[in-house]
Amino acid sequence: MSLQEIAAAACFLISCIFGIAGLAGMFRFSDPYSRLQAGALCGTTSVFSVFIGALLLSPNTAVTARIIIIAVFFLISAPTGSHIVARFAWNAGHISQKPSRKKRPKGREQRS
């Protein structure tokens, strides 16, 4: 294996790690906006890592140019799509979850 193939394999491994982290974030977070952010950020990072790995393995400049063009369009469209979904959720009335407050033990009055 050449150094170029090892670097491409590392990019593909990083892509898998970010994809799994994004999936875990989508199930772990309770707020729809946090889920959207986790999925969008990790998904974009994961796909972009695949593009870098494909660039390292591209056989000629024509394929390299196509991968770069696709990556540029992806970097424009993925955050824009996430923003549109978040804006639609906000306009539909989905509110974010408020942080939880610790309950005071019964028997203690609140001092003014």
C-alpha atoms as a PDB file:
ATOM      1  CA  MET A   1       0.000   0.000   0.000  1.00  0.00           C
ATOM      2  CA  SER A   2       1.254   3.410  -0.880  1.00  0.00           C
ATOM      3  CA  LEU A   3       1.181   6.441   1.356  1.00  0.00           C
ATOM      4  CA  GLN A   4      -1.621   7.895  -0.774  1.00  0.00           C
ATOM      5  CA  GLU A   5      -3.816   4.824  -0.217  1.00  0.00           C
ATOM      6  CA  ILE A   6      -3.138   4.906   3.522  1.00  0.00           C
ATOM      7  CA  ALA A   7      -4.149   8.573   3.698  1.00  0.00           C
ATOM      8  CA  ALA A   8      -7.338   7.815   1.721  1.00  0.00           C
ATOM      9  CA  ALA A   9      -8.163   4.932   4.082  1.00  0.00           C
ATOM     10  CA  ALA A  10      -7.640   7.287   7.040  1.00  0.00           C
ATOM     11  CA  CYS A  11     -10.063   9.777   5.452  1.00  0.00           C
ATOM     12  CA  PHE A  12     -12.641   7.034   4.996  1.00  0.00           C
ATOM     13  CA  LEU A  13     -12.179   5.961   8.623  1.00  0.00           C
ATOM     14  CA  ILE A  14     -12.618   9.560   9.799  1.00  0.00           C
ATOM     15  CA  SER A  15     -15.768   9.699   7.694  1.00  0.00           C
ATOM     16  CA  CYS A  16     -17.176   6.651   9.453  1.00  0.00           C
ATOM     17  CA  ILE A  17     -16.354   8.096  12.872  1.00  0.00           C
ATOM     18  CA  PHE A  18     -18.069  11.421  12.117  1.00  0.00           C
ATOM     19  CA  GLY A  19     -21.064   9.626  10.620  1.00  0.00           C
ATOM     20  CA  ILE A  20     -21.530   7.498  13.722  1.00  0.00           C
ATOM     21  CA  ALA A  21     -21.085  10.557  15.960  1.00  0.00           C
ATOM     22  CA  GLY A  22     -23.752  12.429  14.008  1.00  0.00           C
ATOM     23  CA  LEU A  23     -26.111   9.487  14.238  1.00  0.00           C
ATOM     24  CA  ALA A  24     -25.537   9.222  17.979  1.00  0.00           C
ATOM     25  CA  GLY A  25     -26.163  12.957  18.329  1.00  0.00           C
ATOM     26  CA  MET A  26     -29.446  12.676  16.470  1.00  0.00           C
ATOM     27  CA  PHE A  27     -30.648  10.041  18.929  1.00  0.00           C
ATOM     28  CA  ARG A  28     -29.058  11.541  22.055  1.00  0.00           C
ATOM     29  CA  PHE A  29     -30.221  15.158  21.869  1.00  0.00           C
ATOM     30  CA  SER A  30     -33.791  15.949  22.845  1.00  0.00           C
ATOM     31  CA  ASP A  31     -34.133  19.334  21.139  1.00  0.00           C
ATOM     32  CA  PRO A  32     -35.044  19.216  17.414  1.00  0.00           C
ATOM     33  CA  TYR A  33     -32.629  22.059  16.639  1.00  0.00           C
ATOM     34  CA  SER A  34     -29.773  20.296  18.412  1.00  0.00           C
ATOM     35  CA  ARG A  35     -30.546  17.130  16.481  1.00  0.00           C
ATOM     36  CA  LEU A  36     -30.541  19.063  13.246  1.00  0.00           C
ATOM     37  CA  GLN A  37     -27.205  20.674  14.085  1.00  0.00           C
ATOM     38  CA  ALA A  38     -25.605  17.355  15.047  1.00  0.00           C
ATOM     39  CA  GLY A  39     -26.815  15.655  11.897  1.00  0.00           C
ATOM     40  CA  ALA A  40     -25.871  18.495   9.596  1.00  0.00           C
ATOM     41  CA  LEU A  41     -22.437  19.155  11.036  1.00  0.00           C
ATOM     42  CA  CYS A  42     -21.339  15.548  11.285  1.00  0.00           C
ATOM     43  CA  GLY A  43     -22.972  14.652   7.987  1.00  0.00           C
ATOM     44  CA  THR A  44     -21.181  17.453   6.168  1.00  0.00           C
ATOM     45  CA  THR A  45     -17.861  16.564   7.772  1.00  0.00           C
ATOM     46  CA  SER A  46     -18.372  12.895   6.991  1.00  0.00           C
ATOM     47  CA  VAL A  47     -19.212  13.437   3.332  1.00  0.00           C
ATOM     48  CA  PHE A  48     -16.404  15.946   2.900  1.00  0.00           C
ATOM     49  CA  SER A  49     -13.944  13.378   4.325  1.00  0.00           C
ATOM     50  CA  VAL A  50     -15.147  10.930   1.671  1.00  0.00           C
ATOM     51  CA  PHE A  51     -14.502  13.578  -0.978  1.00  0.00           C
ATOM     52  CA  ILE A  52     -10.952  14.083   0.281  1.00  0.00           C
ATOM     53  CA  GLY A  53     -10.353  10.331   0.246  1.00  0.00           C
ATOM     54  CA  ALA A  54     -11.720  10.121  -3.291  1.00  0.00           C
ATOM     55  CA  LEU A  55      -9.474  12.997  -4.339  1.00  0.00           C
ATOM     56  CA  LEU A  56      -6.473  11.109  -3.029  1.00  0.00           C
ATOM     57  CA  LEU A  57      -7.434   8.046  -5.083  1.00  0.00           C
ATOM     58  CA  SER A  58      -8.517   9.838  -8.277  1.00  0.00           C
ATOM     59  CA  PRO A  59      -6.757   8.435 -11.355  1.00  0.00           C
ATOM     60  CA  ASN A  60      -6.579  11.612 -13.475  1.00  0.00           C
ATOM     61  CA  THR A  61      -7.279  15.342 -13.465  1.00  0.00           C
ATOM     62  CA  ALA A  62     -10.722  15.003 -15.085  1.00  0.00           C
ATOM     63  CA  VAL A  63     -11.987  12.900 -12.195  1.00  0.00           C
ATOM     64  CA  THR A  64     -10.290  15.227  -9.714  1.00  0.00           C
ATOM     65  CA  ALA A  65     -12.044  18.253 -11.234  1.00  0.00           C
ATOM     66  CA  ARG A  66     -15.420  16.514 -11.058  1.00  0.00           C
ATOM     67  CA  ILE A  67     -14.922  15.602  -7.407  1.00  0.00           C
ATOM     68  CA  ILE A  68     -13.942  19.193  -6.574  1.00  0.00           C
ATOM     69  CA  ILE A  69     -17.027  20.563  -8.343  1.00  0.00           C
ATOM     70  CA  ILE A  70     -19.303  18.124  -6.517  1.00  0.00           C
ATOM     71  CA  ALA A  71     -17.644  18.995  -3.179  1.00  0.00           C
ATOM     72  CA  VAL A  72     -18.148  22.731  -3.764  1.00  0.00           C
ATOM     73  CA  PHE A  73     -21.823  22.234  -4.592  1.00  0.00           C
ATOM     74  CA  PHE A  74     -22.214  20.014  -1.534  1.00  0.00           C
ATOM     75  CA  LEU A  75     -20.593  22.597   0.745  1.00  0.00           C
ATOM     76  CA  ILE A  76     -23.071  25.173  -0.525  1.00  0.00           C
ATOM     77  CA  SER A  77     -26.198  23.016  -0.512  1.00  0.00           C
ATOM     78  CA  ALA A  78     -25.870  21.018   2.739  1.00  0.00           C
ATOM     79  CA  PRO A  79     -25.781  23.974   5.188  1.00  0.00           C
ATOM     80  CA  THR A  80     -28.422  25.776   3.132  1.00  0.00           C
ATOM     81  CA  GLY A  81     -30.719  22.755   3.343  1.00  0.00           C
ATOM     82  CA  SER A  82     -30.249  22.503   7.092  1.00  0.00           C
ATOM     83  CA  HIS A  83     -30.997  26.187   7.457  1.00  0.00           C
ATOM     84  CA  ILE A  84     -34.206  25.816   5.424  1.00  0.00           C
ATOM     85  CA  VAL A  85     -35.374  22.910   7.579  1.00  0.00           C
ATOM     86  CA  ALA A  86     -34.595  24.828  10.794  1.00  0.00           C
ATOM     87  CA  ARG A  87     -36.374  27.936   9.509  1.00  0.00           C
ATOM     88  CA  PHE A  88     -39.419  25.868   8.543  1.00  0.00           C
ATOM     89  CA  ALA A  89     -39.475  24.259  12.004  1.00  0.00           C
ATOM     90  CA  TRP A  90     -39.202  27.680  13.659  1.00  0.00           C
ATOM     91  CA  ASN A  91     -42.008  29.121  11.543  1.00  0.00           C
ATOM     92  CA  ALA A  92     -44.164  26.057  12.260  1.00  0.00           C
ATOM     93  CA  GLY A  93     -43.905  26.809  15.979  1.00  0.00           C
ATOM     94  CA  HIS A  94     -41.456  24.168  17.207  1.00  0.00           C
ATOM     95  CA  ILE A  95     -39.781  25.628  20.246  1.00  0.00           C
ATOM     96  CA  SER A  96     -36.492  24.494  21.624  1.00  0.00           C
ATOM     97  CA  GLN A  97     -36.435  22.641  24.903  1.00  0.00           C
ATOM     98  CA  LYS A  98     -35.813  24.836  27.885  1.00  0.00           C
ATOM     99  CA  PRO A  99     -32.991  23.806  30.219  1.00  0.00           C
ATOM    100  CA  SER A 100     -34.150  21.812  33.190  1.00  0.00           C
ATOM    101  CA  ARG A 101     -34.007  23.368  36.648  1.00  0.00           C
ATOM    102  CA  LYS A 102     -33.156  21.487  39.759  1.00  0.00           C
ATOM    103  CA  LYS A 103     -36.131  20.999  42.033  1.00  0.00           C
ATOM    104  CA  ARG A 104     -35.824  22.245  45.566  1.00  0.00           C
ATOM    105  CA  PRO A 105     -36.380  19.724  48.334  1.00  0.00           C
ATOM    106  CA  LYS A 106     -39.812  19.956  49.944  1.00  0.00           C
ATOM    107  CA  GLY A 107     -39.924  21.650  53.280  1.00  0.00           C
ATOM    108  CA  ARG A 108     -37.613  24.505  52.398  1.00  0.00           C
ATOM    109  CA  GLU A 109     -39.246  27.777  51.531  1.00  0.00           C
ATOM    110  CA  GLN A 110     -37.761  30.103  49.029  1.00  0.00           C
ATOM    111  CA  ARG A 111     -36.289  33.225  50.638  1.00  0.00           C
ATOM    112  CA  SER A 112     -37.148  36.595  49.116  1.00  0.00           C
END
